[in-house]
Amino acid sequence: MIKSKLRKKYKILRNDLSFSQIEDLSISIANQLLKLSIWEYTFYHVFLSIEEQKEVNTDYILNILSGKDKNIVISKSNFKTGLMTHFLLTDNTKIKKNSYNIPEPLDGINISDDKIDVVFMPLLGFDKAGNRVGYGKGFYDRFLTDCKPETIKIGLSFFGAEDKITDIFEGDVKLDYCITPEHIFKF
């Protein structure tokens, strides 16, 4: 299936979820993550959920990382350049929603892409080969290209894998894992 159809399909499926279901599914995803051997690293990049888009609630992942005393990195998106700037999440970090309702840090301690060990990524859909469908702006593909090659890329999804995304581009960066409430997909 092509990305545009997948975007439409998964936006509808997510929209049909209640906030109670989103919380339960998000907890299950966080529990699945605990089964991975990824907890020896230092810098973990986490997206802050867009509640209005009914994304996976990453608060549970933030709690896990905080409990394990890890460095948590969050981003601010520049829609003119298509790039993200990354900041260390601290007790003093001030968060504000941008015009797209994305919670972002106002400022903070800058973290370079090449320091990041693990990236938890939002997505709308993914396939059995580890290709993902995001919102179509390419922010994560550009960001991941600048990360070190061994950075672990983990997608988070309420839903299972599609057989195949047919319109993959050369610049699309594949996932290493995708975590759903019931499964860990390894690519």
Protein backbone atom coordinates (compact mmCIF):
# COMPACT_ATOMS: atom_id res chain seq x y z
CA MET A 1 0.00 0.00 0.00
CA ILE A 2 1.21 3.54 -0.64
CA LYS A 3 2.04 5.98 2.16
CA SER A 4 -0.83 8.39 1.51
CA LYS A 5 -3.41 5.60 1.87
CA LEU A 6 -1.67 4.29 4.98
CA ARG A 7 -1.66 7.77 6.54
CA LYS A 8 -5.39 8.07 5.96
CA LYS A 9 -6.10 4.53 7.25
CA TYR A 10 -4.13 4.89 10.48
CA LYS A 11 -5.36 8.39 11.26
CA ILE A 12 -8.91 7.00 11.12
CA LEU A 13 -7.98 3.97 13.26
CA ARG A 14 -6.25 6.14 15.86
CA ASN A 15 -9.13 8.61 15.89
CA ASP A 16 -11.49 5.75 16.77
CA LEU A 17 -9.50 4.97 19.94
CA SER A 18 -10.79 6.35 23.22
CA PHE A 19 -8.38 8.14 25.53
CA SER A 20 -8.77 5.24 27.96
CA GLN A 21 -7.74 2.77 25.22
CA ILE A 22 -4.76 4.97 24.31
CA GLU A 23 -3.57 4.92 27.92
CA ASP A 24 -3.92 1.13 28.21
CA LEU A 25 -2.20 0.50 24.86
CA SER A 26 0.59 2.98 25.71
CA ILE A 27 1.27 1.18 29.01
CA SER A 28 1.45 -2.13 27.12
CA ILE A 29 3.94 -0.63 24.65
CA ALA A 30 6.10 0.68 27.52
CA ASN A 31 6.03 -2.77 29.13
CA GLN A 32 7.09 -4.38 25.83
CA LEU A 33 10.04 -1.98 25.67
CA LEU A 34 11.30 -3.32 29.00
CA LYS A 35 11.93 -6.67 27.26
CA LEU A 36 14.51 -5.13 24.88
CA SER A 37 18.25 -5.08 25.56
CA ILE A 38 18.56 -1.33 25.09
CA TRP A 39 18.97 -0.06 28.61
CA GLU A 40 22.77 0.15 28.84
CA TYR A 41 23.01 3.33 26.75
CA THR A 42 23.20 6.96 27.87
CA PHE A 43 21.18 9.25 25.56
CA TYR A 44 17.57 8.38 24.67
CA HIS A 45 15.56 10.54 22.31
CA VAL A 46 11.80 10.51 22.96
CA PHE A 47 9.03 12.35 21.15
CA LEU A 48 6.54 14.20 23.31
CA SER A 49 3.08 12.96 22.33
CA ILE A 50 0.62 15.07 20.40
CA GLU A 51 -2.53 14.33 22.34
CA GLU A 52 -4.76 15.79 19.60
CA GLN A 53 -3.29 13.26 17.11
CA LYS A 54 -3.92 10.41 19.56
CA GLU A 55 -0.26 9.35 19.49
CA VAL A 56 1.25 6.76 21.81
CA ASN A 57 1.56 8.39 25.23
CA THR A 58 5.30 8.49 25.88
CA ASP A 59 4.92 9.62 29.51
CA TYR A 60 5.34 5.97 30.54
CA ILE A 61 8.60 5.70 28.59
CA LEU A 62 9.79 8.96 30.12
CA ASN A 63 9.09 7.48 33.57
CA ILE A 64 11.08 4.33 32.73
CA LEU A 65 14.03 6.39 31.49
CA SER A 66 13.90 8.69 34.47
CA GLY A 67 13.78 5.71 36.83
CA LYS A 68 16.84 4.25 35.11
CA ASP A 69 18.61 7.63 35.44
CA LYS A 70 19.09 8.05 31.66
CA ASN A 71 19.66 11.25 29.73
CA ILE A 72 16.39 12.09 27.97
CA VAL A 73 16.54 14.12 24.78
CA ILE A 74 13.53 15.92 23.25
CA SER A 75 13.25 17.98 20.08
CA LYS A 76 12.07 21.25 18.68
CA SER A 77 11.01 21.28 15.01
CA ASN A 78 11.81 24.06 12.56
CA PHE A 79 9.16 23.88 9.86
CA LYS A 80 11.06 26.32 7.61
CA THR A 81 14.25 24.21 7.46
CA GLY A 82 12.67 20.80 8.10
CA LEU A 83 15.25 20.15 10.85
CA MET A 84 14.97 19.36 14.53
CA THR A 85 17.10 20.74 17.36
CA HIS A 86 17.58 18.45 20.35
CA PHE A 87 17.64 19.39 24.02
CA LEU A 88 18.32 17.56 27.25
CA LEU A 89 15.11 17.22 29.28
CA THR A 90 15.75 18.50 32.80
CA ASP A 91 13.61 19.61 35.74
CA ASN A 92 14.03 23.18 34.45
CA THR A 93 12.94 22.50 30.86
CA LYS A 94 9.93 24.58 29.90
CA ILE A 95 7.60 22.87 27.40
CA LYS A 96 5.11 24.67 25.15
CA LYS A 97 2.94 23.41 22.29
CA ASN A 98 3.80 24.85 18.87
CA SER A 99 1.19 25.77 16.22
CA TYR A 100 0.90 22.06 15.28
CA ASN A 101 0.20 21.11 18.94
CA ILE A 102 3.63 19.47 19.23
CA PRO A 103 4.95 19.87 22.79
CA GLU A 104 8.47 21.31 22.50
CA PRO A 105 11.17 22.68 24.78
CA LEU A 106 11.50 26.46 24.68
CA ASP A 107 15.27 26.19 25.17
CA GLY A 108 17.82 24.19 27.10
CA ILE A 109 21.06 22.26 26.85
CA ASN A 110 21.69 21.40 23.21
CA ILE A 111 22.50 17.76 22.39
CA SER A 112 24.08 16.89 19.03
CA ASP A 113 22.57 14.13 16.86
CA ASP A 114 25.71 12.02 17.08
CA LYS A 115 25.38 11.67 20.88
CA ILE A 116 21.98 9.97 20.70
CA ASP A 117 22.03 6.20 21.28
CA VAL A 118 18.34 5.25 21.05
CA VAL A 119 15.46 7.01 19.29
CA PHE A 120 11.79 6.31 20.05
CA MET A 121 9.80 7.46 17.01
CA PRO A 122 6.21 8.35 16.31
CA LEU A 123 4.65 6.83 13.22
CA LEU A 124 1.32 6.19 11.60
CA GLY A 125 2.13 2.80 10.09
CA PHE A 126 4.98 0.42 9.31
CA ASP A 127 5.64 -2.70 7.28
CA LYS A 128 7.25 -6.09 7.88
CA ALA A 129 10.56 -4.83 6.44
CA GLY A 130 10.91 -1.99 8.97
CA ASN A 131 9.78 0.87 6.72
CA ARG A 132 7.69 3.50 8.46
CA VAL A 133 5.06 6.02 7.50
CA GLY A 134 5.15 9.26 9.45
CA TYR A 135 3.32 12.51 8.83
CA GLY A 136 5.20 13.11 5.58
CA LYS A 137 7.47 16.03 6.46
CA GLY A 138 10.70 13.98 6.65
CA PHE A 139 11.85 15.39 10.01
CA TYR A 140 12.89 12.00 11.41
CA ASP A 141 14.55 10.80 8.20
CA ARG A 142 16.78 13.92 8.14
CA PHE A 143 17.48 13.62 11.87
CA LEU A 144 18.36 9.90 11.71
CA THR A 145 20.70 10.45 8.76
CA ASP A 146 22.79 12.68 11.05
CA CYS A 147 22.84 10.19 13.93
CA LYS A 148 25.66 7.67 14.29
CA PRO A 149 25.07 4.48 12.26
CA GLU A 150 24.62 2.32 15.38
CA THR A 151 21.81 4.49 16.82
CA ILE A 152 18.89 2.18 17.60
CA LYS A 153 15.66 3.29 15.90
CA ILE A 154 12.43 2.15 17.58
CA GLY A 155 8.97 2.91 16.23
CA LEU A 156 5.93 2.87 18.49
CA SER A 157 2.55 1.80 17.11
CA PHE A 158 -0.87 0.85 18.41
CA PHE A 159 -1.34 -1.36 15.34
CA GLY A 160 0.46 -4.26 13.65
CA ALA A 161 2.62 -4.32 10.52
CA GLU A 162 1.44 -3.89 6.94
CA ASP A 163 2.82 -6.42 4.47
CA LYS A 164 4.62 -3.82 2.35
CA ILE A 165 4.83 -0.07 1.87
CA THR A 166 5.23 0.25 -1.89
CA ASP A 167 6.46 3.83 -2.33
CA ILE A 168 9.66 3.85 -0.26
CA PHE A 169 12.17 6.58 -1.10
CA GLU A 170 15.95 6.42 -1.03
CA GLY A 171 16.08 8.85 1.92
CA ASP A 172 13.67 6.84 4.08
CA VAL A 173 15.41 5.44 7.17
CA LYS A 174 14.31 1.99 8.32
CA LEU A 175 13.47 1.02 11.88
CA ASP A 176 15.47 -1.47 13.92
CA TYR A 177 12.38 -2.33 15.98
CA CYS A 178 8.71 -1.47 16.11
CA ILE A 179 6.84 -2.00 19.34
CA THR A 180 3.10 -2.61 19.50
CA PRO A 181 1.02 -3.51 22.55
CA GLU A 182 1.28 -7.22 21.64
CA HIS A 183 4.51 -7.62 19.66
CA ILE A 184 8.13 -6.65 19.30
CA PHE A 185 9.03 -6.49 15.62
CA LYS A 186 12.78 -6.73 14.96
CA PHE A 187 14.15 -5.82 11.55
